[in-house]
N, C-alpha and C. Protein backbone atom coordinates (compact mmCIF):
# COMPACT_ATOMS: atom_id res chain seq x y z
N UNK A 1 37.38 -74.87 40.09
CA UNK A 1 37.70 -74.18 38.84
C UNK A 1 36.48 -74.12 37.92
N UNK A 2 35.81 -75.25 37.88
CA UNK A 2 34.64 -75.27 36.98
C UNK A 2 33.57 -74.30 37.42
N UNK A 3 33.54 -74.01 38.77
CA UNK A 3 32.55 -73.06 39.28
C UNK A 3 32.83 -71.65 38.77
N UNK A 4 34.12 -71.32 38.72
CA UNK A 4 34.50 -70.00 38.18
C UNK A 4 34.15 -69.88 36.71
N UNK A 5 34.43 -70.93 35.99
CA UNK A 5 34.11 -70.89 34.56
C UNK A 5 32.60 -70.74 34.35
N UNK A 6 31.81 -71.47 35.18
CA UNK A 6 30.36 -71.36 35.06
C UNK A 6 29.87 -69.96 35.36
N UNK A 7 30.49 -69.36 36.40
CA UNK A 7 30.09 -67.99 36.77
C UNK A 7 30.39 -67.01 35.65
N UNK A 8 31.59 -67.17 35.05
CA UNK A 8 31.96 -66.27 33.94
C UNK A 8 31.01 -66.43 32.75
N UNK A 9 30.59 -67.65 32.50
CA UNK A 9 29.67 -67.89 31.41
C UNK A 9 28.33 -67.24 31.65
N UNK A 10 27.86 -67.34 32.90
CA UNK A 10 26.58 -66.72 33.24
C UNK A 10 26.66 -65.21 33.07
N UNK A 11 27.77 -64.64 33.56
CA UNK A 11 27.96 -63.18 33.41
C UNK A 11 27.97 -62.78 31.95
N UNK A 12 28.67 -63.55 31.12
CA UNK A 12 28.74 -63.24 29.69
C UNK A 12 27.36 -63.28 29.05
N UNK A 13 26.57 -64.27 29.45
CA UNK A 13 25.22 -64.37 28.90
C UNK A 13 24.36 -63.17 29.30
N UNK A 14 24.49 -62.77 30.57
CA UNK A 14 23.71 -61.61 31.04
C UNK A 14 24.11 -60.36 30.30
N UNK A 15 25.45 -60.18 30.11
CA UNK A 15 25.92 -58.99 29.39
C UNK A 15 25.42 -59.00 27.96
N UNK A 16 25.50 -60.11 27.31
CA UNK A 16 25.03 -60.19 25.91
C UNK A 16 23.54 -59.93 25.81
N UNK A 17 22.80 -60.50 26.74
CA UNK A 17 21.35 -60.29 26.73
C UNK A 17 21.02 -58.81 26.93
N UNK A 18 21.77 -58.17 27.85
CA UNK A 18 21.56 -56.74 28.09
C UNK A 18 21.89 -55.91 26.86
N UNK A 19 22.96 -56.29 26.21
CA UNK A 19 23.37 -55.55 25.01
C UNK A 19 22.32 -55.67 23.92
N UNK A 20 21.82 -56.89 23.76
CA UNK A 20 20.79 -57.10 22.73
C UNK A 20 19.53 -56.33 23.07
N UNK A 21 19.14 -56.39 24.33
CA UNK A 21 17.93 -55.67 24.77
C UNK A 21 18.11 -54.17 24.65
N UNK A 22 19.27 -53.69 25.06
CA UNK A 22 19.53 -52.25 24.96
C UNK A 22 19.54 -51.79 23.52
N UNK A 23 20.13 -52.60 22.65
CA UNK A 23 20.16 -52.22 21.23
C UNK A 23 18.77 -52.15 20.65
N UNK A 24 17.96 -53.12 21.03
CA UNK A 24 16.57 -53.10 20.53
C UNK A 24 15.82 -51.87 21.04
N UNK A 25 16.03 -51.50 22.30
CA UNK A 25 15.34 -50.32 22.89
C UNK A 25 15.76 -49.04 22.17
N UNK A 26 17.09 -48.91 21.96
CA UNK A 26 17.57 -47.72 21.25
C UNK A 26 17.07 -47.69 19.80
N UNK A 27 16.96 -48.88 19.20
CA UNK A 27 16.43 -48.94 17.84
C UNK A 27 14.99 -48.45 17.77
N UNK A 28 14.18 -48.86 18.76
CA UNK A 28 12.79 -48.41 18.81
C UNK A 28 12.70 -46.91 19.03
N UNK A 29 13.55 -46.38 19.92
CA UNK A 29 13.56 -44.93 20.18
C UNK A 29 13.93 -44.15 18.91
N UNK A 30 14.92 -44.65 18.19
CA UNK A 30 15.37 -43.98 16.96
C UNK A 30 14.25 -43.98 15.93
N UNK A 31 13.56 -45.14 15.80
CA UNK A 31 12.45 -45.24 14.85
C UNK A 31 11.31 -44.29 15.23
N UNK A 32 11.03 -44.21 16.53
CA UNK A 32 9.97 -43.31 16.99
C UNK A 32 10.32 -41.85 16.71
N UNK A 33 11.60 -41.51 16.92
CA UNK A 33 12.06 -40.15 16.65
C UNK A 33 11.94 -39.83 15.17
N UNK A 34 12.29 -40.78 14.32
CA UNK A 34 12.19 -40.58 12.88
C UNK A 34 10.73 -40.38 12.46
N UNK A 35 9.85 -41.20 13.05
CA UNK A 35 8.43 -41.08 12.72
C UNK A 35 7.87 -39.74 13.18
N UNK A 36 8.30 -39.24 14.34
CA UNK A 36 7.85 -37.94 14.84
C UNK A 36 8.34 -36.81 13.94
N UNK A 37 9.60 -36.93 13.51
CA UNK A 37 10.16 -35.92 12.60
C UNK A 37 9.38 -35.89 11.29
N UNK A 38 9.08 -37.08 10.77
CA UNK A 38 8.31 -37.15 9.51
C UNK A 38 6.92 -36.55 9.69
N UNK A 39 6.31 -36.82 10.87
CA UNK A 39 4.98 -36.27 11.13
C UNK A 39 5.00 -34.74 11.18
N UNK A 40 6.02 -34.20 11.86
CA UNK A 40 6.14 -32.74 11.97
C UNK A 40 6.38 -32.11 10.61
N UNK A 41 7.25 -32.76 9.82
CA UNK A 41 7.53 -32.24 8.47
C UNK A 41 6.28 -32.26 7.60
N UNK A 42 5.48 -33.31 7.75
CA UNK A 42 4.24 -33.40 6.96
C UNK A 42 3.26 -32.31 7.38
N UNK A 43 3.16 -32.08 8.70
CA UNK A 43 2.28 -31.01 9.19
C UNK A 43 2.74 -29.65 8.69
N UNK A 44 4.06 -29.41 8.74
CA UNK A 44 4.60 -28.13 8.27
C UNK A 44 4.32 -27.93 6.78
N UNK A 45 4.48 -29.01 6.01
CA UNK A 45 4.23 -28.92 4.57
C UNK A 45 2.75 -28.62 4.30
N UNK A 46 1.88 -29.26 5.10
CA UNK A 46 0.44 -29.02 4.92
C UNK A 46 0.09 -27.58 5.27
N UNK A 47 0.67 -27.06 6.36
CA UNK A 47 0.41 -25.67 6.75
C UNK A 47 0.93 -24.70 5.70
N UNK A 48 2.12 -25.00 5.16
CA UNK A 48 2.68 -24.13 4.11
C UNK A 48 1.79 -24.12 2.88
N UNK A 49 1.30 -25.30 2.50
CA UNK A 49 0.41 -25.39 1.33
C UNK A 49 -0.89 -24.64 1.57
N UNK A 50 -1.41 -24.76 2.80
CA UNK A 50 -2.65 -24.06 3.14
C UNK A 50 -2.44 -22.55 3.12
N UNK A 51 -1.29 -22.11 3.66
CA UNK A 51 -0.98 -20.68 3.64
C UNK A 51 -0.83 -20.15 2.23
N UNK A 52 -0.15 -20.92 1.37
CA UNK A 52 0.02 -20.51 -0.02
C UNK A 52 -1.32 -20.41 -0.73
N UNK A 53 -2.22 -21.36 -0.42
CA UNK A 53 -3.55 -21.34 -1.04
C UNK A 53 -4.32 -20.10 -0.59
N UNK A 54 -4.19 -19.74 0.70
CA UNK A 54 -4.88 -18.54 1.20
C UNK A 54 -4.34 -17.28 0.52
N UNK A 55 -3.01 -17.22 0.36
CA UNK A 55 -2.40 -16.06 -0.30
C UNK A 55 -2.90 -15.94 -1.73
N UNK A 56 -2.93 -17.07 -2.45
CA UNK A 56 -3.39 -17.05 -3.84
C UNK A 56 -4.85 -16.63 -3.93
N UNK A 57 -5.67 -17.12 -2.99
CA UNK A 57 -7.08 -16.74 -3.00
C UNK A 57 -7.25 -15.26 -2.70
N UNK A 58 -6.44 -14.75 -1.76
CA UNK A 58 -6.50 -13.33 -1.42
C UNK A 58 -6.07 -12.47 -2.60
N UNK A 59 -5.01 -12.89 -3.28
CA UNK A 59 -4.53 -12.14 -4.44
C UNK A 59 -5.57 -12.13 -5.55
N UNK A 60 -6.24 -13.26 -5.75
CA UNK A 60 -7.28 -13.33 -6.78
C UNK A 60 -8.44 -12.41 -6.42
N UNK A 61 -8.81 -12.40 -5.14
CA UNK A 61 -9.90 -11.51 -4.70
C UNK A 61 -9.50 -10.06 -4.86
N UNK A 62 -8.22 -9.75 -4.54
CA UNK A 62 -7.74 -8.38 -4.70
C UNK A 62 -7.83 -7.94 -6.16
N UNK A 63 -7.41 -8.82 -7.04
CA UNK A 63 -7.46 -8.49 -8.47
C UNK A 63 -8.90 -8.27 -8.93
N UNK A 64 -9.82 -9.09 -8.44
CA UNK A 64 -11.24 -8.93 -8.80
C UNK A 64 -11.78 -7.59 -8.30
N UNK A 65 -11.45 -7.24 -7.06
CA UNK A 65 -11.93 -5.98 -6.49
C UNK A 65 -11.36 -4.78 -7.25
N UNK A 66 -10.09 -4.88 -7.64
CA UNK A 66 -9.49 -3.78 -8.40
C UNK A 66 -10.17 -3.61 -9.75
N UNK A 67 -10.44 -4.73 -10.42
CA UNK A 67 -11.13 -4.66 -11.71
C UNK A 67 -12.51 -4.04 -11.54
N UNK A 68 -13.20 -4.44 -10.49
CA UNK A 68 -14.53 -3.90 -10.22
C UNK A 68 -14.45 -2.39 -9.94
N UNK A 69 -13.43 -1.99 -9.16
CA UNK A 69 -13.27 -0.58 -8.81
C UNK A 69 -12.95 0.26 -10.05
N UNK A 70 -12.06 -0.26 -10.89
CA UNK A 70 -11.69 0.48 -12.11
C UNK A 70 -12.90 0.66 -13.03
N UNK A 71 -13.67 -0.40 -13.17
CA UNK A 71 -14.85 -0.32 -14.03
C UNK A 71 -15.86 0.69 -13.49
N UNK A 72 -16.08 0.66 -12.18
CA UNK A 72 -17.01 1.61 -11.57
C UNK A 72 -16.51 3.04 -11.69
N UNK A 73 -15.21 3.21 -11.53
CA UNK A 73 -14.63 4.55 -11.65
C UNK A 73 -14.77 5.07 -13.07
N UNK A 74 -14.53 4.20 -14.05
CA UNK A 74 -14.68 4.59 -15.45
C UNK A 74 -16.12 4.98 -15.77
N UNK A 75 -17.06 4.32 -15.09
CA UNK A 75 -18.47 4.63 -15.30
C UNK A 75 -18.94 5.80 -14.42
N UNK A 76 -18.00 6.36 -13.66
CA UNK A 76 -18.28 7.47 -12.73
C UNK A 76 -19.30 7.08 -11.66
N UNK A 77 -19.30 5.80 -11.32
CA UNK A 77 -20.11 5.32 -10.20
C UNK A 77 -19.20 5.35 -8.98
N UNK A 78 -19.10 6.53 -8.37
CA UNK A 78 -18.11 6.72 -7.31
C UNK A 78 -18.48 5.98 -6.02
N UNK A 79 -19.74 5.74 -5.80
CA UNK A 79 -20.16 4.98 -4.61
C UNK A 79 -19.67 3.53 -4.73
N UNK A 80 -19.93 2.91 -5.87
CA UNK A 80 -19.50 1.52 -6.07
C UNK A 80 -17.98 1.42 -6.11
N UNK A 81 -17.34 2.39 -6.74
CA UNK A 81 -15.87 2.37 -6.83
C UNK A 81 -15.25 2.51 -5.44
N UNK A 82 -15.82 3.40 -4.64
CA UNK A 82 -15.29 3.57 -3.27
C UNK A 82 -15.41 2.28 -2.48
N UNK A 83 -16.55 1.59 -2.60
CA UNK A 83 -16.75 0.34 -1.88
C UNK A 83 -15.74 -0.72 -2.32
N UNK A 84 -15.49 -0.80 -3.62
CA UNK A 84 -14.55 -1.80 -4.13
C UNK A 84 -13.12 -1.48 -3.71
N UNK A 85 -12.74 -0.21 -3.80
CA UNK A 85 -11.40 0.17 -3.35
C UNK A 85 -11.22 -0.09 -1.86
N UNK A 86 -12.28 0.10 -1.08
CA UNK A 86 -12.21 -0.15 0.36
C UNK A 86 -11.96 -1.64 0.65
N UNK A 87 -12.55 -2.52 -0.17
CA UNK A 87 -12.31 -3.95 0.00
C UNK A 87 -10.85 -4.28 -0.28
N UNK A 88 -10.28 -3.62 -1.28
CA UNK A 88 -8.86 -3.83 -1.57
C UNK A 88 -8.01 -3.40 -0.38
N UNK A 89 -8.36 -2.25 0.19
CA UNK A 89 -7.56 -1.70 1.28
C UNK A 89 -7.73 -2.46 2.58
N UNK A 90 -8.83 -3.20 2.74
CA UNK A 90 -8.98 -4.05 3.92
C UNK A 90 -7.90 -5.12 3.93
N UNK A 91 -7.57 -5.64 2.77
CA UNK A 91 -6.54 -6.68 2.68
C UNK A 91 -5.14 -6.10 2.56
N UNK A 92 -5.03 -4.94 1.91
CA UNK A 92 -3.72 -4.32 1.72
C UNK A 92 -3.84 -2.81 1.92
N UNK A 93 -3.67 -2.34 3.15
CA UNK A 93 -3.82 -0.90 3.44
C UNK A 93 -2.78 -0.03 2.76
N UNK A 94 -1.75 -0.63 2.17
CA UNK A 94 -0.69 0.16 1.53
C UNK A 94 -0.86 0.27 0.01
N UNK A 95 -1.94 -0.27 -0.53
CA UNK A 95 -2.13 -0.24 -1.98
C UNK A 95 -2.29 1.21 -2.46
N UNK A 96 -1.28 1.69 -3.19
CA UNK A 96 -1.30 3.07 -3.66
C UNK A 96 -2.44 3.29 -4.65
N UNK A 97 -2.66 2.32 -5.54
CA UNK A 97 -3.74 2.48 -6.52
C UNK A 97 -5.09 2.59 -5.83
N UNK A 98 -5.31 1.76 -4.81
CA UNK A 98 -6.60 1.79 -4.11
C UNK A 98 -6.75 3.07 -3.30
N UNK A 99 -5.66 3.54 -2.69
CA UNK A 99 -5.73 4.77 -1.89
C UNK A 99 -6.05 5.97 -2.77
N UNK A 100 -5.35 6.09 -3.89
CA UNK A 100 -5.61 7.25 -4.74
C UNK A 100 -6.97 7.13 -5.42
N UNK A 101 -7.37 5.89 -5.76
CA UNK A 101 -8.69 5.70 -6.36
C UNK A 101 -9.81 6.06 -5.39
N UNK A 102 -9.67 5.59 -4.15
CA UNK A 102 -10.70 5.91 -3.16
C UNK A 102 -10.67 7.39 -2.81
N UNK A 103 -9.45 7.98 -2.79
CA UNK A 103 -9.36 9.42 -2.54
C UNK A 103 -10.12 10.22 -3.58
N UNK A 104 -9.99 9.83 -4.85
CA UNK A 104 -10.74 10.49 -5.93
C UNK A 104 -12.25 10.33 -5.71
N UNK A 105 -12.65 9.11 -5.32
CA UNK A 105 -14.08 8.86 -5.09
C UNK A 105 -14.61 9.73 -3.96
N UNK A 106 -13.89 9.76 -2.85
CA UNK A 106 -14.31 10.59 -1.72
C UNK A 106 -14.41 12.06 -2.13
N UNK A 107 -13.45 12.51 -2.94
CA UNK A 107 -13.47 13.91 -3.39
C UNK A 107 -14.72 14.19 -4.21
N UNK A 108 -15.05 13.28 -5.13
CA UNK A 108 -16.23 13.48 -5.98
C UNK A 108 -17.52 13.39 -5.18
N UNK A 109 -17.47 12.64 -4.08
CA UNK A 109 -18.64 12.52 -3.22
C UNK A 109 -18.68 13.63 -2.15
N UNK A 110 -17.72 14.55 -2.25
CA UNK A 110 -17.61 15.69 -1.35
C UNK A 110 -17.36 15.27 0.11
N UNK A 111 -16.70 14.16 0.24
CA UNK A 111 -16.27 13.71 1.58
C UNK A 111 -14.78 14.08 1.70
N UNK A 112 -14.55 15.36 1.81
CA UNK A 112 -13.22 15.92 1.61
C UNK A 112 -12.20 15.48 2.67
N UNK A 113 -12.63 15.36 3.93
CA UNK A 113 -11.68 14.96 4.97
C UNK A 113 -11.15 13.55 4.71
N UNK A 114 -12.05 12.65 4.30
CA UNK A 114 -11.63 11.29 3.99
C UNK A 114 -10.73 11.28 2.75
N UNK A 115 -11.08 12.10 1.77
CA UNK A 115 -10.26 12.20 0.56
C UNK A 115 -8.85 12.67 0.92
N UNK A 116 -8.78 13.69 1.75
CA UNK A 116 -7.47 14.22 2.15
C UNK A 116 -6.64 13.14 2.84
N UNK A 117 -7.26 12.36 3.72
CA UNK A 117 -6.54 11.31 4.44
C UNK A 117 -5.92 10.30 3.48
N UNK A 118 -6.70 9.83 2.51
CA UNK A 118 -6.19 8.85 1.54
C UNK A 118 -5.09 9.45 0.67
N UNK A 119 -5.33 10.67 0.20
CA UNK A 119 -4.37 11.29 -0.72
C UNK A 119 -3.06 11.63 -0.02
N UNK A 120 -3.13 12.05 1.23
CA UNK A 120 -1.89 12.32 1.96
C UNK A 120 -1.12 11.02 2.20
N UNK A 121 -1.83 9.92 2.41
CA UNK A 121 -1.16 8.62 2.55
C UNK A 121 -0.40 8.27 1.28
N UNK A 122 -0.98 8.61 0.13
CA UNK A 122 -0.30 8.35 -1.15
C UNK A 122 0.95 9.23 -1.27
N UNK A 123 0.82 10.51 -0.93
CA UNK A 123 1.98 11.41 -1.09
C UNK A 123 3.12 11.03 -0.15
N UNK A 124 2.79 10.39 0.97
CA UNK A 124 3.86 9.90 1.86
C UNK A 124 4.51 8.64 1.30
N UNK A 125 3.68 7.74 0.78
CA UNK A 125 4.19 6.47 0.28
C UNK A 125 4.83 6.60 -1.10
N UNK A 126 4.28 7.50 -1.92
CA UNK A 126 4.78 7.66 -3.30
C UNK A 126 4.83 9.15 -3.64
N UNK A 127 5.81 9.88 -3.09
CA UNK A 127 5.86 11.34 -3.28
C UNK A 127 6.08 11.79 -4.71
N UNK A 128 6.36 10.86 -5.61
CA UNK A 128 6.54 11.23 -7.02
C UNK A 128 5.25 11.09 -7.83
N UNK A 129 4.15 10.78 -7.17
CA UNK A 129 2.87 10.66 -7.87
C UNK A 129 2.27 12.04 -8.08
N UNK A 130 2.38 12.56 -9.30
CA UNK A 130 1.85 13.89 -9.62
C UNK A 130 0.34 13.94 -9.44
N UNK A 131 -0.34 12.86 -9.83
CA UNK A 131 -1.80 12.87 -9.74
C UNK A 131 -2.28 12.98 -8.29
N UNK A 132 -1.49 12.44 -7.35
CA UNK A 132 -1.87 12.52 -5.94
C UNK A 132 -1.77 13.95 -5.44
N UNK A 133 -0.68 14.64 -5.80
CA UNK A 133 -0.52 16.04 -5.38
C UNK A 133 -1.59 16.92 -6.02
N UNK A 134 -1.90 16.66 -7.28
CA UNK A 134 -2.93 17.45 -7.98
C UNK A 134 -4.30 17.27 -7.31
N UNK A 135 -4.64 16.01 -7.03
CA UNK A 135 -5.93 15.72 -6.39
C UNK A 135 -5.99 16.31 -4.98
N UNK A 136 -4.87 16.21 -4.26
CA UNK A 136 -4.84 16.77 -2.90
C UNK A 136 -5.03 18.28 -2.94
N UNK A 137 -4.38 18.95 -3.88
CA UNK A 137 -4.54 20.39 -4.01
C UNK A 137 -6.00 20.74 -4.32
N UNK A 138 -6.62 19.97 -5.18
CA UNK A 138 -8.03 20.21 -5.53
C UNK A 138 -8.92 20.09 -4.30
N UNK A 139 -8.68 19.05 -3.50
CA UNK A 139 -9.48 18.83 -2.30
C UNK A 139 -9.27 19.97 -1.30
N UNK A 140 -8.02 20.37 -1.10
CA UNK A 140 -7.72 21.44 -0.13
C UNK A 140 -8.34 22.76 -0.57
N UNK A 141 -8.37 22.99 -1.88
CA UNK A 141 -9.01 24.19 -2.40
C UNK A 141 -10.51 24.19 -2.09
N UNK A 142 -11.13 23.03 -2.28
CA UNK A 142 -12.56 22.93 -1.97
C UNK A 142 -12.84 23.13 -0.48
N UNK A 143 -11.85 22.88 0.34
CA UNK A 143 -12.00 23.07 1.77
C UNK A 143 -11.56 24.47 2.21
N UNK A 144 -11.28 25.33 1.21
CA UNK A 144 -10.83 26.71 1.46
C UNK A 144 -9.53 26.77 2.26
N UNK A 145 -8.69 25.78 2.07
CA UNK A 145 -7.37 25.76 2.72
C UNK A 145 -6.32 26.05 1.66
N UNK A 146 -6.36 27.31 1.21
CA UNK A 146 -5.57 27.69 0.03
C UNK A 146 -4.07 27.64 0.29
N UNK A 147 -3.62 28.01 1.48
CA UNK A 147 -2.18 27.94 1.77
C UNK A 147 -1.67 26.51 1.63
N UNK A 148 -2.45 25.53 2.13
CA UNK A 148 -2.05 24.13 2.02
C UNK A 148 -2.13 23.65 0.57
N UNK A 149 -3.10 24.17 -0.16
CA UNK A 149 -3.19 23.83 -1.59
C UNK A 149 -1.96 24.33 -2.33
N UNK A 150 -1.50 25.53 -1.98
CA UNK A 150 -0.27 26.06 -2.58
C UNK A 150 0.90 25.12 -2.29
N UNK A 151 0.98 24.65 -1.06
CA UNK A 151 2.07 23.73 -0.69
C UNK A 151 2.01 22.44 -1.52
N UNK A 152 0.81 21.89 -1.70
CA UNK A 152 0.67 20.68 -2.52
C UNK A 152 1.08 20.94 -3.96
N UNK A 153 0.71 22.11 -4.47
CA UNK A 153 1.08 22.45 -5.85
C UNK A 153 2.57 22.76 -5.98
N UNK A 154 3.18 23.22 -4.90
CA UNK A 154 4.65 23.38 -4.90
C UNK A 154 5.32 22.03 -5.15
N UNK A 155 4.82 21.00 -4.46
CA UNK A 155 5.37 19.66 -4.66
C UNK A 155 5.14 19.17 -6.09
N UNK A 156 3.96 19.44 -6.61
CA UNK A 156 3.65 19.02 -7.97
C UNK A 156 4.57 19.70 -8.98
N UNK A 157 4.75 21.00 -8.81
CA UNK A 157 5.59 21.75 -9.75
C UNK A 157 7.07 21.43 -9.58
N UNK A 158 7.45 20.95 -8.40
CA UNK A 158 8.83 20.49 -8.22
C UNK A 158 9.09 19.24 -9.07
N UNK A 159 8.03 18.47 -9.32
CA UNK A 159 8.15 17.29 -10.17
C UNK A 159 8.07 17.64 -11.65
N UNK A 160 7.31 18.69 -11.96
CA UNK A 160 7.14 19.10 -13.36
C UNK A 160 6.88 20.60 -13.40
N UNK A 161 7.95 21.37 -13.56
CA UNK A 161 7.83 22.83 -13.54
C UNK A 161 7.10 23.40 -14.73
N UNK A 162 6.88 22.58 -15.78
CA UNK A 162 6.20 23.07 -16.98
C UNK A 162 4.74 22.66 -17.02
N UNK A 163 4.21 22.21 -15.89
CA UNK A 163 2.81 21.81 -15.84
C UNK A 163 1.95 23.08 -15.77
N UNK A 164 1.42 23.47 -16.92
CA UNK A 164 0.70 24.74 -17.00
C UNK A 164 -0.57 24.76 -16.16
N UNK A 165 -1.26 23.64 -16.09
CA UNK A 165 -2.48 23.59 -15.28
C UNK A 165 -2.13 23.79 -13.80
N UNK A 166 -1.03 23.17 -13.36
CA UNK A 166 -0.61 23.34 -11.96
C UNK A 166 -0.22 24.78 -11.68
N UNK A 167 0.42 25.43 -12.66
CA UNK A 167 0.76 26.85 -12.50
C UNK A 167 -0.50 27.69 -12.38
N UNK A 168 -1.47 27.42 -13.25
CA UNK A 168 -2.73 28.14 -13.18
C UNK A 168 -3.43 27.92 -11.84
N UNK A 169 -3.45 26.64 -11.40
CA UNK A 169 -4.11 26.31 -10.13
C UNK A 169 -3.40 26.98 -8.95
N UNK A 170 -2.07 27.01 -9.00
CA UNK A 170 -1.34 27.64 -7.90
C UNK A 170 -1.56 29.15 -7.92
N UNK A 171 -1.66 29.72 -9.10
CA UNK A 171 -1.96 31.15 -9.19
C UNK A 171 -3.29 31.46 -8.52
N UNK A 172 -4.29 30.62 -8.80
CA UNK A 172 -5.60 30.82 -8.20
C UNK A 172 -5.55 30.66 -6.68
N UNK A 173 -4.86 29.60 -6.23
CA UNK A 173 -4.76 29.36 -4.78
C UNK A 173 -4.00 30.50 -4.10
N UNK A 174 -2.93 30.96 -4.73
CA UNK A 174 -2.18 32.07 -4.15
C UNK A 174 -3.03 33.34 -4.07
N UNK A 175 -3.81 33.57 -5.10
CA UNK A 175 -4.64 34.77 -5.11
C UNK A 175 -5.66 34.72 -3.97
N UNK A 176 -6.29 33.57 -3.79
CA UNK A 176 -7.28 33.43 -2.73
C UNK A 176 -6.63 33.44 -1.34
N UNK A 177 -5.35 33.08 -1.28
CA UNK A 177 -4.63 33.11 0.00
C UNK A 177 -4.09 34.50 0.31
N UNK A 178 -4.26 35.44 -0.64
CA UNK A 178 -3.83 36.82 -0.41
C UNK A 178 -2.49 37.17 -1.00
N UNK A 179 -1.91 36.27 -1.81
CA UNK A 179 -0.61 36.52 -2.42
C UNK A 179 -0.82 36.89 -3.89
N UNK A 180 -1.22 38.15 -4.12
CA UNK A 180 -1.55 38.58 -5.48
C UNK A 180 -0.31 38.58 -6.37
N UNK A 181 0.82 39.01 -5.83
CA UNK A 181 2.04 39.06 -6.64
C UNK A 181 2.47 37.67 -7.08
N UNK A 182 2.45 36.71 -6.14
CA UNK A 182 2.80 35.34 -6.50
C UNK A 182 1.81 34.75 -7.48
N UNK A 183 0.54 35.09 -7.30
CA UNK A 183 -0.49 34.60 -8.22
C UNK A 183 -0.25 35.13 -9.63
N UNK A 184 0.11 36.40 -9.73
CA UNK A 184 0.35 37.01 -11.04
C UNK A 184 1.54 36.34 -11.72
N UNK A 185 2.59 36.04 -10.94
CA UNK A 185 3.77 35.38 -11.50
C UNK A 185 3.42 34.01 -12.08
N UNK A 186 2.63 33.26 -11.32
CA UNK A 186 2.25 31.92 -11.80
C UNK A 186 1.34 31.99 -13.02
N UNK A 187 0.37 32.91 -13.00
CA UNK A 187 -0.55 33.04 -14.13
C UNK A 187 0.21 33.45 -15.38
N UNK A 188 1.15 34.39 -15.21
CA UNK A 188 1.96 34.82 -16.35
C UNK A 188 2.80 33.67 -16.88
N UNK A 189 3.36 32.86 -15.97
CA UNK A 189 4.16 31.71 -16.39
C UNK A 189 3.34 30.72 -17.19
N UNK A 190 2.13 30.46 -16.75
CA UNK A 190 1.26 29.54 -17.48
C UNK A 190 0.90 30.11 -18.84
N UNK A 191 0.65 31.42 -18.87
CA UNK A 191 0.31 32.08 -20.14
C UNK A 191 1.47 32.01 -21.12
N UNK A 192 2.68 32.26 -20.61
CA UNK A 192 3.86 32.24 -21.49
C UNK A 192 4.14 30.85 -22.04
N UNK A 193 3.66 29.84 -21.33
CA UNK A 193 3.82 28.47 -21.82
C UNK A 193 2.69 28.07 -22.77
N UNK A 194 1.83 29.03 -23.10
CA UNK A 194 0.78 28.78 -24.09
C UNK A 194 -0.54 28.29 -23.54
N UNK A 195 -0.76 28.42 -22.22
CA UNK A 195 -2.00 27.96 -21.62
C UNK A 195 -2.99 29.12 -21.57
N UNK A 196 -4.03 29.04 -22.38
CA UNK A 196 -4.96 30.16 -22.52
C UNK A 196 -5.63 30.50 -21.19
N UNK A 197 -5.93 29.50 -20.39
CA UNK A 197 -6.57 29.77 -19.10
C UNK A 197 -5.64 30.55 -18.18
N UNK A 198 -4.36 30.34 -18.34
CA UNK A 198 -3.39 31.12 -17.57
C UNK A 198 -3.41 32.58 -17.98
N UNK A 199 -3.55 32.82 -19.27
CA UNK A 199 -3.61 34.21 -19.77
C UNK A 199 -4.88 34.90 -19.25
N UNK A 200 -6.00 34.18 -19.28
CA UNK A 200 -7.26 34.76 -18.79
C UNK A 200 -7.17 35.07 -17.30
N UNK A 201 -6.54 34.18 -16.54
CA UNK A 201 -6.41 34.42 -15.11
C UNK A 201 -5.46 35.59 -14.84
N UNK A 202 -4.42 35.69 -15.64
CA UNK A 202 -3.49 36.82 -15.47
C UNK A 202 -4.22 38.15 -15.63
N UNK A 203 -5.09 38.24 -16.64
CA UNK A 203 -5.85 39.46 -16.85
C UNK A 203 -6.78 39.76 -15.68
N UNK A 204 -7.41 38.73 -15.15
CA UNK A 204 -8.31 38.93 -14.00
C UNK A 204 -7.54 39.42 -12.79
N UNK A 205 -6.36 38.85 -12.58
CA UNK A 205 -5.56 39.26 -11.42
C UNK A 205 -5.08 40.71 -11.59
N UNK A 206 -4.65 41.03 -12.80
CA UNK A 206 -4.20 42.41 -13.06
C UNK A 206 -5.36 43.40 -12.82
N UNK A 207 -6.55 43.02 -13.30
CA UNK A 207 -7.71 43.88 -13.14
C UNK A 207 -8.02 44.09 -11.67
N UNK A 208 -7.93 43.02 -10.87
CA UNK A 208 -8.22 43.16 -9.44
C UNK A 208 -7.18 44.02 -8.73
N UNK A 209 -5.95 44.00 -9.23
CA UNK A 209 -4.89 44.79 -8.60
C UNK A 209 -5.01 46.26 -8.96
N UNK A 210 -5.73 46.61 -10.05
CA UNK A 210 -5.88 47.99 -10.46
C UNK A 210 -7.02 48.69 -9.73
N UNK A 211 -7.81 47.93 -9.01
CA UNK A 211 -8.97 48.52 -8.34
C UNK A 211 -8.53 49.33 -7.12
């Protein structure tokens, strides 16, 4: 009998020892998992902070480039303004202000194809920008693409039908495109709205039609 009791005691000791050892092993695994989680979270936080710092630095650089571009544009230094606007667009190709600013610079530098590309990008992204349609029409006129200039001015006048300068410009573009009747209508409209240049153009168109 005592042998059975001794055997049971030995078994109990082995089971208890195993339980204690197993508990310690699982405790170490849990601690290691917690430490790994903390390490990953710290790395993620560091990466997020680094990314935020890069974004802030990029935004600050963008603001500096825009200020530089505006100042150069105001001084009519179109070469410097174009370079500054290009730096803005390297970081943000969708910047409407930089696109229209660089488009104006290209136009003044007689780089009309590049100007057209920038200005058309603006009219797609912000079709309510009157200045973009006006500048695009000006560029197309310089390229002797009067039909396309008329189309650009159609968009401009759809935004503001009382824009007398746009009416005058469309009259001129229509006349050069061979639409004398349409040109006369636009010139007369500008004249009736009190735009003296519209009246002068109306007289020129009438004179050409009498020949």
